C-alpha atoms as a PDB file:
ATOM      1  CA  MET A   1      99.466 103.996  80.172  1.00  0.00           C
ATOM      2  CA  LYS A   2      95.750 104.808  79.861  1.00  0.00           C
ATOM      3  CA  MET A   3      95.337 106.903  82.964  1.00  0.00           C
ATOM      4  CA  THR A   4      91.951 108.246  81.864  1.00  0.00           C
ATOM      5  CA  LEU A   5      90.453 104.769  82.325  1.00  0.00           C
ATOM      6  CA  GLN A   6      91.006 105.135  86.045  1.00  0.00           C
ATOM      7  CA  PHE A   7      88.987 108.363  86.027  1.00  0.00           C
ATOM      8  CA  LYS A   8      85.839 107.041  84.342  1.00  0.00           C
ATOM      9  CA  ALA A   9      83.811 107.354  87.552  1.00  0.00           C
ATOM     10  CA  ALA A  10      85.212 110.843  88.142  1.00  0.00           C
ATOM     11  CA  TRP A  11      84.100 112.010  84.687  1.00  0.00           C
ATOM     12  CA  ILE A  12      80.602 110.635  85.308  1.00  0.00           C
ATOM     13  CA  ILE A  13      80.487 112.489  88.635  1.00  0.00           C
ATOM     14  CA  PHE A  14      81.681 115.639  86.850  1.00  0.00           C
ATOM     15  CA  LEU A  15      78.859 115.386  84.293  1.00  0.00           C
ATOM     16  CA  LEU A  16      76.329 114.956  87.097  1.00  0.00           C
ATOM     17  CA  THR A  17      77.739 118.022  88.859  1.00  0.00           C
ATOM     18  CA  LEU A  18      77.569 120.015  85.624  1.00  0.00           C
ATOM     19  CA  VAL A  19      73.972 118.981  84.887  1.00  0.00           C
ATOM     20  CA  THR A  20      72.814 119.909  88.395  1.00  0.00           C
ATOM     21  CA  GLY A  21      74.558 123.248  87.917  1.00  0.00           C
ATOM     22  CA  PHE A  22      72.633 123.956  84.705  1.00  0.00           C
ATOM     23  CA  VAL A  23      69.319 122.955  86.284  1.00  0.00           C
ATOM     24  CA  ALA A  24      69.925 125.109  89.360  1.00  0.00           C
ATOM     25  CA  TYR A  25      71.107 128.081  87.288  1.00  0.00           C
ATOM     26  CA  ASN A  26      68.030 127.983  85.057  1.00  0.00           C
ATOM     27  CA  ASN A  27      65.745 128.028  88.101  1.00  0.00           C
ATOM     28  CA  ALA A  28      67.584 130.602  90.224  1.00  0.00           C
ATOM     29  CA  ASP A  29      66.988 134.331  90.534  1.00  0.00           C
ATOM     30  CA  SER A  30      69.814 135.950  88.565  1.00  0.00           C
ATOM     31  CA  ALA A  31      70.098 138.711  91.172  1.00  0.00           C
ATOM     32  CA  SER A  32      70.391 136.388  94.157  1.00  0.00           C
ATOM     33  CA  GLN A  33      73.508 135.959  96.281  1.00  0.00           C
ATOM     34  CA  ILE A  34      74.217 132.347  97.176  1.00  0.00           C
ATOM     35  CA  ALA A  35      76.376 130.985  99.984  1.00  0.00           C
ATOM     36  CA  THR A  36      79.495 129.337  98.558  1.00  0.00           C
ATOM     37  CA  HIS A  37      81.807 129.345 101.574  1.00  0.00           C
ATOM     38  CA  TRP A  38      81.319 128.586 105.255  1.00  0.00           C
ATOM     39  CA  ASP A  39      83.411 129.042 108.386  1.00  0.00           C
ATOM     40  CA  SER A  40      84.382 126.150 110.644  1.00  0.00           C
ATOM     41  CA  ALA A  41      81.140 126.621 112.603  1.00  0.00           C
ATOM     42  CA  GLY A  42      79.069 126.118 109.448  1.00  0.00           C
ATOM     43  CA  ASN A  43      78.037 129.770 109.057  1.00  0.00           C
ATOM     44  CA  PRO A  44      78.087 131.264 105.533  1.00  0.00           C
ATOM     45  CA  ASP A  45      80.905 133.792 105.149  1.00  0.00           C
ATOM     46  CA  GLY A  46      81.164 134.012 101.371  1.00  0.00           C
ATOM     47  CA  TYR A  47      78.541 134.609  98.679  1.00  0.00           C
ATOM     48  CA  SER A  48      78.463 134.519  94.876  1.00  0.00           C
ATOM     49  CA  GLY A  49      76.015 135.078  92.061  1.00  0.00           C
ATOM     50  CA  PRO A  50      74.280 132.056  90.467  1.00  0.00           C
ATOM     51  CA  LEU A  51      76.789 131.715  87.614  1.00  0.00           C
ATOM     52  CA  VAL A  52      79.782 131.340  89.932  1.00  0.00           C
ATOM     53  CA  ALA A  53      77.876 129.475  92.639  1.00  0.00           C
ATOM     54  CA  PHE A  54      76.513 126.718  90.411  1.00  0.00           C
ATOM     55  CA  PHE A  55      79.469 126.296  88.049  1.00  0.00           C
ATOM     56  CA  MET A  56      82.393 126.726  90.456  1.00  0.00           C
ATOM     57  CA  MET A  57      82.481 123.026  91.430  1.00  0.00           C
ATOM     58  CA  PRO A  58      82.322 121.719  87.819  1.00  0.00           C
ATOM     59  CA  PHE A  59      85.107 124.176  86.926  1.00  0.00           C
ATOM     60  CA  ILE A  60      87.333 122.906  89.750  1.00  0.00           C
ATOM     61  CA  GLN A  61      86.586 119.315  88.727  1.00  0.00           C
ATOM     62  CA  THR A  62      87.533 120.097  85.117  1.00  0.00           C
ATOM     63  CA  ILE A  63      90.882 121.618  86.095  1.00  0.00           C
ATOM     64  CA  MET A  64      91.669 118.757  88.469  1.00  0.00           C
ATOM     65  CA  LEU A  65      90.795 116.043  85.955  1.00  0.00           C
ATOM     66  CA  ALA A  66      92.742 117.800  83.200  1.00  0.00           C
ATOM     67  CA  ILE A  67      95.845 117.957  85.397  1.00  0.00           C
ATOM     68  CA  PHE A  68      95.650 114.330  86.502  1.00  0.00           C
ATOM     69  CA  SER A  69      94.943 113.166  82.951  1.00  0.00           C
ATOM     70  CA  SER A  70      98.126 114.982  81.854  1.00  0.00           C
ATOM     71  CA  LEU A  71     100.398 113.410  84.461  1.00  0.00           C
ATOM     72  CA  LYS A  72     101.770 110.888  81.987  1.00  0.00           C
ATOM     73  CA  ILE A  73     103.512 113.630  80.002  1.00  0.00           C
ATOM     74  CA  LEU A  74     104.420 115.752  83.046  1.00  0.00           C
ATOM     75  CA  GLU A  75     105.810 113.145  85.445  1.00  0.00           C
ATOM     76  CA  PRO A  76     109.550 112.330  85.082  1.00  0.00           C
ATOM     77  CA  ARG A  77     108.863 108.991  86.790  1.00  0.00           C
ATOM     78  CA  ALA A  78     105.967 108.078  84.519  1.00  0.00           C
ATOM     79  CA  ALA A  79     106.570 104.342  84.943  1.00  0.00           C
ATOM     80  CA  ASN A  80     105.650 104.689  88.607  1.00  0.00           C
ATOM     81  CA  LEU A  81     102.277 106.179  87.666  1.00  0.00           C
ATOM     82  CA  GLU A  82     101.298 102.880  86.077  1.00  0.00           C
ATOM     83  CA  LYS A  83     102.052 101.115  89.352  1.00  0.00           C
ATOM     84  CA  SER A  84     100.094 103.736  91.307  1.00  0.00           C
ATOM     85  CA  LYS A  85      97.127 104.235  88.970  1.00  0.00           C
ATOM     86  CA  LYS A  86      94.632 102.376  91.169  1.00  0.00           C
ATOM     87  CA  ALA A  87      95.532 104.525  94.182  1.00  0.00           C
ATOM     88  CA  ILE A  88      95.514 107.729  92.116  1.00  0.00           C
ATOM     89  CA  GLY A  89      92.145 106.828  90.613  1.00  0.00           C
ATOM     90  CA  ALA A  90      90.608 106.186  94.033  1.00  0.00           C
ATOM     91  CA  VAL A  91      91.752 109.556  95.394  1.00  0.00           C
ATOM     92  CA  VAL A  92      90.629 111.472  92.278  1.00  0.00           C
ATOM     93  CA  ASN A  93      87.221 109.784  92.378  1.00  0.00           C
ATOM     94  CA  ALA A  94      86.838 110.615  96.075  1.00  0.00           C
ATOM     95  CA  VAL A  95      87.753 114.291  95.636  1.00  0.00           C
ATOM     96  CA  THR A  96      85.451 114.633  92.615  1.00  0.00           C
ATOM     97  CA  ALA A  97      82.623 113.096  94.631  1.00  0.00           C
ATOM     98  CA  LEU A  98      83.220 115.540  97.495  1.00  0.00           C
ATOM     99  CA  LEU A  99      82.921 118.455  95.057  1.00  0.00           C
ATOM    100  CA  LEU A 100      79.571 117.021  93.946  1.00  0.00           C
ATOM    101  CA  VAL A 101      78.505 116.956  97.601  1.00  0.00           C
ATOM    102  CA  VAL A 102      79.532 120.607  97.972  1.00  0.00           C
ATOM    103  CA  GLN A 103      77.510 121.383  94.832  1.00  0.00           C
ATOM    104  CA  ALA A 104      74.493 119.665  96.402  1.00  0.00           C
ATOM    105  CA  ILE A 105      74.876 121.716  99.588  1.00  0.00           C
ATOM    106  CA  ILE A 106      75.147 124.968  97.616  1.00  0.00           C
ATOM    107  CA  ILE A 107      71.961 124.107  95.715  1.00  0.00           C
ATOM    108  CA  ASP A 108      70.220 122.945  98.888  1.00  0.00           C
ATOM    109  CA  GLN A 109      70.915 126.234 100.642  1.00  0.00           C
ATOM    110  CA  ALA A 110      70.215 128.364  97.562  1.00  0.00           C
ATOM    111  CA  PHE A 111      66.688 126.971  97.248  1.00  0.00           C
ATOM    112  CA  GLU A 112      66.215 126.505 101.009  1.00  0.00           C
ATOM    113  CA  PHE A 113      65.415 122.808 100.806  1.00  0.00           C
ATOM    114  CA  GLY A 114      66.925 122.257 104.250  1.00  0.00           C
ATOM    115  CA  LEU A 115      68.078 118.723 103.459  1.00  0.00           C
ATOM    116  CA  LEU A 116      71.846 119.044 103.838  1.00  0.00           C
ATOM    117  CA  GLY A 117      74.116 120.741 106.358  1.00  0.00           C
ATOM    118  CA  THR A 118      77.768 121.739 106.205  1.00  0.00           C
ATOM    119  CA  ASN A 119      78.569 118.860 108.554  1.00  0.00           C
ATOM    120  CA  VAL A 120      78.352 116.710 105.419  1.00  0.00           C
ATOM    121  CA  ILE A 121      81.334 118.627 103.988  1.00  0.00           C
ATOM    122  CA  PHE A 122      83.419 117.915 107.076  1.00  0.00           C
ATOM    123  CA  ALA A 123      82.434 114.253 106.922  1.00  0.00           C
ATOM    124  CA  GLY A 124      83.326 114.183 103.226  1.00  0.00           C
ATOM    125  CA  VAL A 125      86.769 115.645 103.903  1.00  0.00           C
ATOM    126  CA  GLY A 126      87.259 112.967 106.529  1.00  0.00           C
ATOM    127  CA  VAL A 127      86.334 110.214 104.083  1.00  0.00           C
ATOM    128  CA  ILE A 128      88.786 111.590 101.505  1.00  0.00           C
ATOM    129  CA  LEU A 129      91.588 111.579 104.079  1.00  0.00           C
ATOM    130  CA  MET A 130      90.688 107.979 104.912  1.00  0.00           C
ATOM    131  CA  VAL A 131      90.828 107.025 101.226  1.00  0.00           C
ATOM    132  CA  MET A 132      94.177 108.788 100.845  1.00  0.00           C
ATOM    133  CA  GLY A 133      95.534 107.108 103.949  1.00  0.00           C
ATOM    134  CA  ASN A 134      94.371 103.709 102.764  1.00  0.00           C
ATOM    135  CA  TYR A 135      96.194 104.099  99.441  1.00  0.00           C
ATOM    136  CA  PHE A 136      99.312 106.002 100.547  1.00  0.00           C
ATOM    137  CA  GLY A 137     101.252 102.783 101.043  1.00  0.00           C
ATOM    138  CA  LYS A 138     100.523 101.787  97.431  1.00  0.00           C
ATOM    139  CA  LEU A 139     101.889 104.990  95.884  1.00  0.00           C
ATOM    140  CA  LYS A 140     105.214 104.767  94.108  1.00  0.00           C
ATOM    141  CA  SER A 141     107.741 107.598  94.063  1.00  0.00           C
ATOM    142  CA  SER A 142     106.420 110.608  92.148  1.00  0.00           C
ATOM    143  CA  PHE A 143     107.153 114.319  91.773  1.00  0.00           C
ATOM    144  CA  PHE A 144     103.433 115.159  91.667  1.00  0.00           C
ATOM    145  CA  ILE A 145     101.600 112.806  94.031  1.00  0.00           C
ATOM    146  CA  GLY A 146     102.209 111.770  97.614  1.00  0.00           C
ATOM    147  CA  ILE A 147     104.416 113.056 100.432  1.00  0.00           C
ATOM    148  CA  ARG A 148     107.039 114.772  98.305  1.00  0.00           C
ATOM    149  CA  THR A 149     110.011 115.917 100.355  1.00  0.00           C
ATOM    150  CA  PRO A 150     113.667 116.069  99.278  1.00  0.00           C
ATOM    151  CA  TRP A 151     114.222 112.958 101.385  1.00  0.00           C
ATOM    152  CA  THR A 152     111.378 110.794 100.078  1.00  0.00           C
ATOM    153  CA  LEU A 153     112.253 111.701  96.488  1.00  0.00           C
ATOM    154  CA  SER A 154     115.898 110.746  97.000  1.00  0.00           C
ATOM    155  CA  SER A 155     115.251 107.270  98.417  1.00  0.00           C
ATOM    156  CA  GLU A 156     112.667 104.648  97.517  1.00  0.00           C
ATOM    157  CA  THR A 157     113.011 103.108 100.981  1.00  0.00           C
ATOM    158  CA  VAL A 158     112.367 106.433 102.695  1.00  0.00           C
ATOM    159  CA  TRP A 159     109.394 107.003 100.376  1.00  0.00           C
ATOM    160  CA  GLN A 160     107.817 103.663 101.236  1.00  0.00           C
ATOM    161  CA  LYS A 161     108.330 103.889 105.000  1.00  0.00           C
ATOM    162  CA  THR A 162     107.145 107.506 105.129  1.00  0.00           C
ATOM    163  CA  HIS A 163     103.980 106.702 103.191  1.00  0.00           C
ATOM    164  CA  ARG A 164     103.159 103.741 105.401  1.00  0.00           C
ATOM    165  CA  VAL A 165     103.314 105.974 108.487  1.00  0.00           C
ATOM    166  CA  GLY A 166     101.626 108.865 106.684  1.00  0.00           C
ATOM    167  CA  GLY A 167      98.859 106.548 105.527  1.00  0.00           C
ATOM    168  CA  LYS A 168      98.054 105.494 109.088  1.00  0.00           C
ATOM    169  CA  LEU A 169      98.060 109.123 110.263  1.00  0.00           C
ATOM    170  CA  PHE A 170      95.827 110.308 107.414  1.00  0.00           C
ATOM    171  CA  PHE A 171      93.396 107.429 107.882  1.00  0.00           C
ATOM    172  CA  THR A 172      93.139 108.110 111.621  1.00  0.00           C
ATOM    173  CA  ALA A 173      92.721 111.860 111.082  1.00  0.00           C
ATOM    174  CA  GLY A 174      90.075 111.203 108.444  1.00  0.00           C
ATOM    175  CA  ALA A 175      88.119 108.870 110.696  1.00  0.00           C
ATOM    176  CA  ILE A 176      88.074 111.470 113.481  1.00  0.00           C
ATOM    177  CA  ILE A 177      86.982 114.240 111.106  1.00  0.00           C
ATOM    178  CA  ALA A 178      84.295 112.051 109.512  1.00  0.00           C
ATOM    179  CA  ILE A 179      82.736 111.230 112.878  1.00  0.00           C
ATOM    180  CA  ALA A 180      83.257 114.558 114.673  1.00  0.00           C
ATOM    181  CA  PRO A 181      80.480 116.601 112.933  1.00  0.00           C
ATOM    182  CA  PHE A 182      77.862 114.166 114.196  1.00  0.00           C
ATOM    183  CA  VAL A 183      79.006 114.070 117.829  1.00  0.00           C
ATOM    184  CA  LEU A 184      80.406 117.579 118.377  1.00  0.00           C
ATOM    185  CA  THR A 185      78.945 121.058 118.045  1.00  0.00           C
ATOM    186  CA  GLN A 186      79.836 123.056 114.934  1.00  0.00           C
ATOM    187  CA  ASP A 187      81.935 125.593 116.853  1.00  0.00           C
ATOM    188  CA  MET A 188      84.233 122.775 117.992  1.00  0.00           C
ATOM    189  CA  MET A 189      85.051 121.651 114.458  1.00  0.00           C
ATOM    190  CA  GLY A 190      87.725 124.294 113.829  1.00  0.00           C
ATOM    191  CA  PRO A 191      89.962 123.215 116.731  1.00  0.00           C
ATOM    192  CA  VAL A 192      89.361 119.545 115.896  1.00  0.00           C
ATOM    193  CA  LEU A 193      90.422 120.040 112.278  1.00  0.00           C
ATOM    194  CA  VAL A 194      93.624 121.817 113.285  1.00  0.00           C
ATOM    195  CA  SER A 195      94.496 119.333 116.021  1.00  0.00           C
ATOM    196  CA  VAL A 196      94.249 116.278 113.758  1.00  0.00           C
ATOM    197  CA  ILE A 197      95.297 117.610 110.338  1.00  0.00           C
ATOM    198  CA  LEU A 198      98.478 119.381 111.457  1.00  0.00           C
ATOM    199  CA  PRO A 199     100.104 116.284 112.997  1.00  0.00           C
ATOM    200  CA  ALA A 200      99.020 114.148 110.037  1.00  0.00           C
ATOM    201  CA  ALA A 201     100.627 116.640 107.646  1.00  0.00           C
ATOM    202  CA  LEU A 202     103.784 117.518 109.581  1.00  0.00           C
ATOM    203  CA  VAL A 203     104.855 114.246 111.219  1.00  0.00           C
ATOM    204  CA  PRO A 204     105.562 112.481 107.880  1.00  0.00           C
ATOM    205  CA  ILE A 205     107.766 115.387 106.778  1.00  0.00           C
ATOM    206  CA  PHE A 206     109.989 115.205 109.842  1.00  0.00           C
ATOM    207  CA  TYR A 207     109.854 111.415 109.779  1.00  0.00           C
ATOM    208  CA  SER A 208     111.122 111.351 106.187  1.00  0.00           C
ATOM    209  CA  TRP A 209     114.099 113.492 107.187  1.00  0.00           C
ATOM    210  CA  TYR A 210     114.795 111.189 110.150  1.00  0.00           C
ATOM    211  CA  LEU A 211     114.710 108.096 107.934  1.00  0.00           C
ATOM    212  CA  TRP A 212     116.926 109.706 105.312  1.00  0.00           C
ATOM    213  CA  ARG A 213     119.420 110.860 107.939  1.00  0.00           C
ATOM    214  CA  LYS A 214     119.501 107.371 109.430  1.00  0.00           C
ATOM    215  CA  GLU A 215     120.020 105.881 105.974  1.00  0.00           C
ATOM    216  CA  GLN A 216     122.916 108.248 105.288  1.00  0.00           C
ATOM    217  CA  GLN A 217     124.571 107.436 108.584  1.00  0.00           C
ATOM    218  CA  SER A 218     124.276 103.707 107.888  1.00  0.00           C
ATOM    219  CA  ALA A 219     125.861 104.182 104.471  1.00  0.00           C
ATOM    220  CA  THR A 220     128.937 105.886 105.953  1.00  0.00           C
ATOM    221  CA  HIS A 221     129.626 103.102 108.467  1.00  0.00           C
END
């Protein structure tokens, strides 16, 4: 299974992120402190020097791509990866692209271009959740990817039903988060994130237990 073929776009995005990092680093004041983290209201609450600020995103991309490229030798259910490679590739590409967006925002704020705001990050997170939700139903059982609970991993039926419900929840949560930064004030984003992400994350877990329990009861009758 040539998993790396699914990540071609992600590697191109990584190279673009790396190049922008080099360009920004070569033009930055080595003594400057650059915003690299923001609170839910969009205010900077974490700073780093140019080396960390401009190469943090490429580093994260490298680690992520290395892990996903190694799944074939790590995953006990490797055959299922082949069936899920399109979905996995879409999610990896989306996350890599978001990290490029974060890199652009860091550079934008470091050089005070004033072109991008942190609302773009929130919107990007929303888009990623939508992509994940759209592909959840296409994921096959895996120990590394998807909604991995003892109950989904023990039953293919529970896995499929849980991911169909989880996919709808993630897509809905993502759509809300993607739109919210452009219609709500920044200080409202924190509560919005919590109120939509928590249900999307927790409901599938309890639902998988419910399905498994129901399956067990049916098997004993």
